[in-house]
Protein backbone atom coordinates (compact mmCIF):
# COMPACT_ATOMS: atom_id res chain seq x y z
CA MET A 1 -131.27 124.49 69.74
CA LEU A 2 -131.56 121.35 67.53
CA SER A 3 -133.26 121.35 64.90
CA LYS A 4 -135.95 117.73 64.38
CA LYS A 5 -133.61 116.76 62.17
CA ILE A 6 -130.55 116.84 64.32
CA GLU A 7 -132.42 115.88 67.05
CA SER A 8 -133.32 112.60 65.48
CA ALA A 9 -130.10 111.33 63.89
CA LEU A 10 -128.21 112.65 67.37
CA ASN A 11 -130.88 109.93 68.98
CA GLY A 12 -130.29 107.26 66.33
CA GLN A 13 -126.61 107.81 67.19
CA ILE A 14 -127.93 106.90 70.81
CA ALA A 15 -129.58 103.89 70.02
CA ILE A 16 -126.30 102.42 67.57
CA GLU A 17 -124.24 103.40 70.95
CA ALA A 18 -126.52 101.62 73.37
CA MET A 19 -126.45 98.61 71.11
CA SER A 20 -122.85 98.54 70.80
CA SER A 21 -122.42 98.18 74.46
CA GLN A 22 -125.60 95.49 74.44
CA PHE A 23 -123.41 93.72 71.11
CA TYR A 24 -119.85 94.16 73.24
CA LEU A 25 -121.55 92.98 76.46
CA ALA A 26 -123.02 89.57 75.14
CA MET A 27 -119.32 89.27 73.53
CA ALA A 28 -118.01 89.54 76.89
CA SER A 29 -120.47 86.87 78.77
CA TRP A 30 -119.60 84.28 75.90
CA ALA A 31 -115.59 85.12 76.20
CA GLU A 32 -115.80 84.52 80.24
CA THR A 33 -117.95 81.43 80.00
CA GLU A 34 -114.82 79.67 77.03
CA GLY A 35 -112.03 80.72 79.73
CA LEU A 36 -110.56 83.62 77.75
CA ASN A 37 -110.64 86.09 80.75
CA GLY A 38 -108.86 88.28 79.20
CA THR A 39 -111.11 89.42 76.19
CA ALA A 40 -114.01 89.24 78.54
CA ALA A 41 -112.06 91.83 80.18
CA PHE A 42 -111.50 93.79 77.66
CA LEU A 43 -114.83 93.49 75.77
CA TYR A 44 -116.47 94.43 79.18
CA ARG A 45 -114.55 97.55 79.66
CA HIS A 46 -115.58 98.34 75.86
CA SER A 47 -119.28 97.79 76.40
CA ASP A 48 -118.49 100.00 79.51
CA GLU A 49 -117.29 102.65 76.90
CA GLU A 50 -119.71 102.23 74.72
CA ARG A 51 -122.35 103.09 77.53
CA MET A 52 -120.40 106.28 78.45
CA HIS A 53 -120.48 107.06 74.25
CA MET A 54 -124.45 106.97 74.54
CA LEU A 55 -124.57 109.22 77.98
CA LYS A 56 -122.63 111.86 76.01
CA LEU A 57 -124.86 111.98 73.58
CA ILE A 58 -128.11 111.57 75.55
CA ARG A 59 -126.43 114.98 77.81
CA PHE A 60 -125.56 116.66 74.56
CA VAL A 61 -129.11 116.36 73.35
CA ASN A 62 -130.85 117.34 76.20
CA GLU A 63 -128.59 120.47 77.22
CA ARG A 64 -129.22 121.67 73.59
CA GLY A 65 -133.39 121.69 74.26
CA GLY A 66 -133.50 118.36 72.50
CA LYS A 67 -135.15 115.29 73.93
CA ALA A 68 -133.37 112.53 74.21
CA ILE A 69 -134.50 109.26 73.74
CA VAL A 70 -133.50 105.94 75.60
CA PRO A 71 -133.89 103.15 73.20
CA ALA A 72 -135.33 99.57 73.40
CA LEU A 73 -132.38 97.54 72.53
CA LYS A 74 -132.67 94.30 70.38
CA GLN A 75 -131.39 90.97 72.07
CA PRO A 76 -127.52 90.56 70.83
CA PRO A 77 -126.30 87.44 70.08
CA ARG A 78 -125.51 85.09 72.54
CA VAL A 79 -123.29 82.45 71.07
CA PHE A 80 -120.46 83.05 68.91
CA LYS A 81 -118.29 80.69 66.91
CA ASP A 82 -115.10 81.55 68.21
CA ILE A 83 -112.68 84.62 69.42
CA ASN A 84 -111.91 85.08 65.30
CA HIS A 85 -115.68 85.37 64.92
CA ILE A 86 -116.08 87.92 68.07
CA PHE A 87 -113.06 90.03 66.57
CA ASN A 88 -114.53 89.95 62.88
CA GLU A 89 -117.74 91.28 64.21
CA LEU A 90 -116.24 94.00 66.16
CA PHE A 91 -114.42 95.11 63.54
CA LYS A 92 -117.86 95.25 60.59
CA HIS A 93 -119.44 96.70 63.99
CA GLU A 94 -116.87 99.99 64.58
CA ALA A 95 -116.76 100.31 60.35
CA HIS A 96 -121.12 100.56 60.18
CA VAL A 97 -120.95 102.98 63.40
CA THR A 98 -118.04 105.23 61.52
CA ALA A 99 -120.52 104.62 58.86
CA GLU A 100 -123.38 105.96 61.06
CA ILE A 101 -121.81 108.85 62.48
CA ASN A 102 -120.39 110.50 59.46
CA LYS A 103 -123.94 110.39 58.39
CA VAL A 104 -124.42 112.42 61.26
CA VAL A 105 -121.92 115.22 60.95
CA ASP A 106 -123.55 115.14 57.27
CA SER A 107 -126.53 116.19 58.24
CA CYS A 108 -125.03 118.87 60.87
CA LEU A 109 -123.07 120.29 57.86
CA LYS A 110 -126.06 120.28 55.74
CA GLU A 111 -128.26 122.27 58.73
CA LYS A 112 -125.21 124.18 59.31
CA ASP A 113 -125.28 123.35 62.66
CA TYR A 114 -121.57 123.77 63.35
CA THR A 115 -122.19 123.32 67.40
CA THR A 116 -123.31 119.68 67.09
CA HIS A 117 -120.59 119.11 64.09
CA ASN A 118 -117.39 120.34 66.38
CA PHE A 119 -119.31 117.75 69.28
CA MET A 120 -119.36 114.86 66.97
CA GLN A 121 -115.53 115.70 65.96
CA TRP A 122 -114.88 113.83 69.26
CA TYR A 123 -116.72 110.85 68.04
CA VAL A 124 -115.08 111.17 64.84
CA SER A 125 -111.46 110.90 66.24
CA GLU A 126 -112.89 108.15 68.88
CA GLN A 127 -114.44 105.80 66.06
CA ILE A 128 -110.23 105.85 63.70
CA GLU A 129 -109.06 104.69 67.30
CA GLU A 130 -112.07 101.97 67.59
CA GLU A 131 -111.42 101.05 63.96
CA THR A 132 -107.11 100.83 64.29
CA LEU A 133 -107.30 98.62 67.55
CA ALA A 134 -110.32 96.22 65.94
CA ARG A 135 -107.63 95.89 62.85
CA THR A 136 -104.38 95.32 65.17
CA LEU A 137 -106.36 92.62 67.13
CA LEU A 138 -107.67 90.80 63.91
CA ASP A 139 -104.01 90.95 62.62
CA LYS A 140 -102.53 89.84 66.10
CA LEU A 141 -105.08 86.99 65.53
CA ALA A 142 -104.52 85.99 61.82
CA LEU A 143 -100.47 85.80 63.09
CA ILE A 144 -101.79 83.00 65.48
CA GLY A 145 -103.56 81.19 63.74
CA SER A 146 -105.05 78.06 65.43
CA ASP A 147 -101.88 77.81 67.95
CA LYS A 148 -103.57 77.29 71.03
CA GLY A 149 -100.34 78.77 72.95
CA GLY A 150 -100.64 82.05 70.70
CA LEU A 151 -104.12 82.17 71.63
CA TYR A 152 -103.30 81.65 75.59
CA LEU A 153 -100.90 84.55 75.28
CA PHE A 154 -103.41 86.93 73.35
CA ASP A 155 -105.62 86.76 75.80
CA ARG A 156 -103.48 86.97 78.33
CA ASP A 157 -102.34 90.23 76.69
CA LEU A 158 -105.69 91.62 76.70
CA GLU A 159 -106.49 90.90 79.91
CA ASN A 160 -102.90 92.95 81.03
CA LEU A 161 -103.74 95.76 78.59
CA THR A 162 -106.86 96.10 80.40
CA ALA A 163 -105.35 96.20 84.19
CA SER A 164 -103.07 98.42 82.60
CA GLU A 165 -105.79 100.58 81.13
CA ASN A 166 -107.89 100.19 84.40
CA GLY A 167 -104.67 101.67 86.95
CA ARG A 168 -104.16 98.42 88.46
């Protein structure tokens, strides 16, 4: 059985994962309209992953005797300055998500809820991967600079990466 404090913390994380999904969906839509199809495919997939993270939390809360709350969401941004802005925002957002997950883990330890602590370790590991990926993409964009050919290749590489991860 979840304590009210842990249930509240997990519901807060559900809202963060839902907002992440919406944020990446908005980025994907923008990228698609800018002709960045690889970036769009990458971000659409990322949006789906965040939604799955949310669903995993919802099911956990409900299975542990709590009541998961499906959150109302704020409108994400509609316009982004450029691809660098997208990936800078993505990195900042992932760092924020990591900090929030760490707060949930800390609450689990304080409440001696080792079952939820164990469950949250998957999210801790996932965030390491998310931040590393975002940082790697930012590094690649920094190497490209304003080279349009480099941007084309970066976008194509993201499209190929997404296609190979989807088993195509």
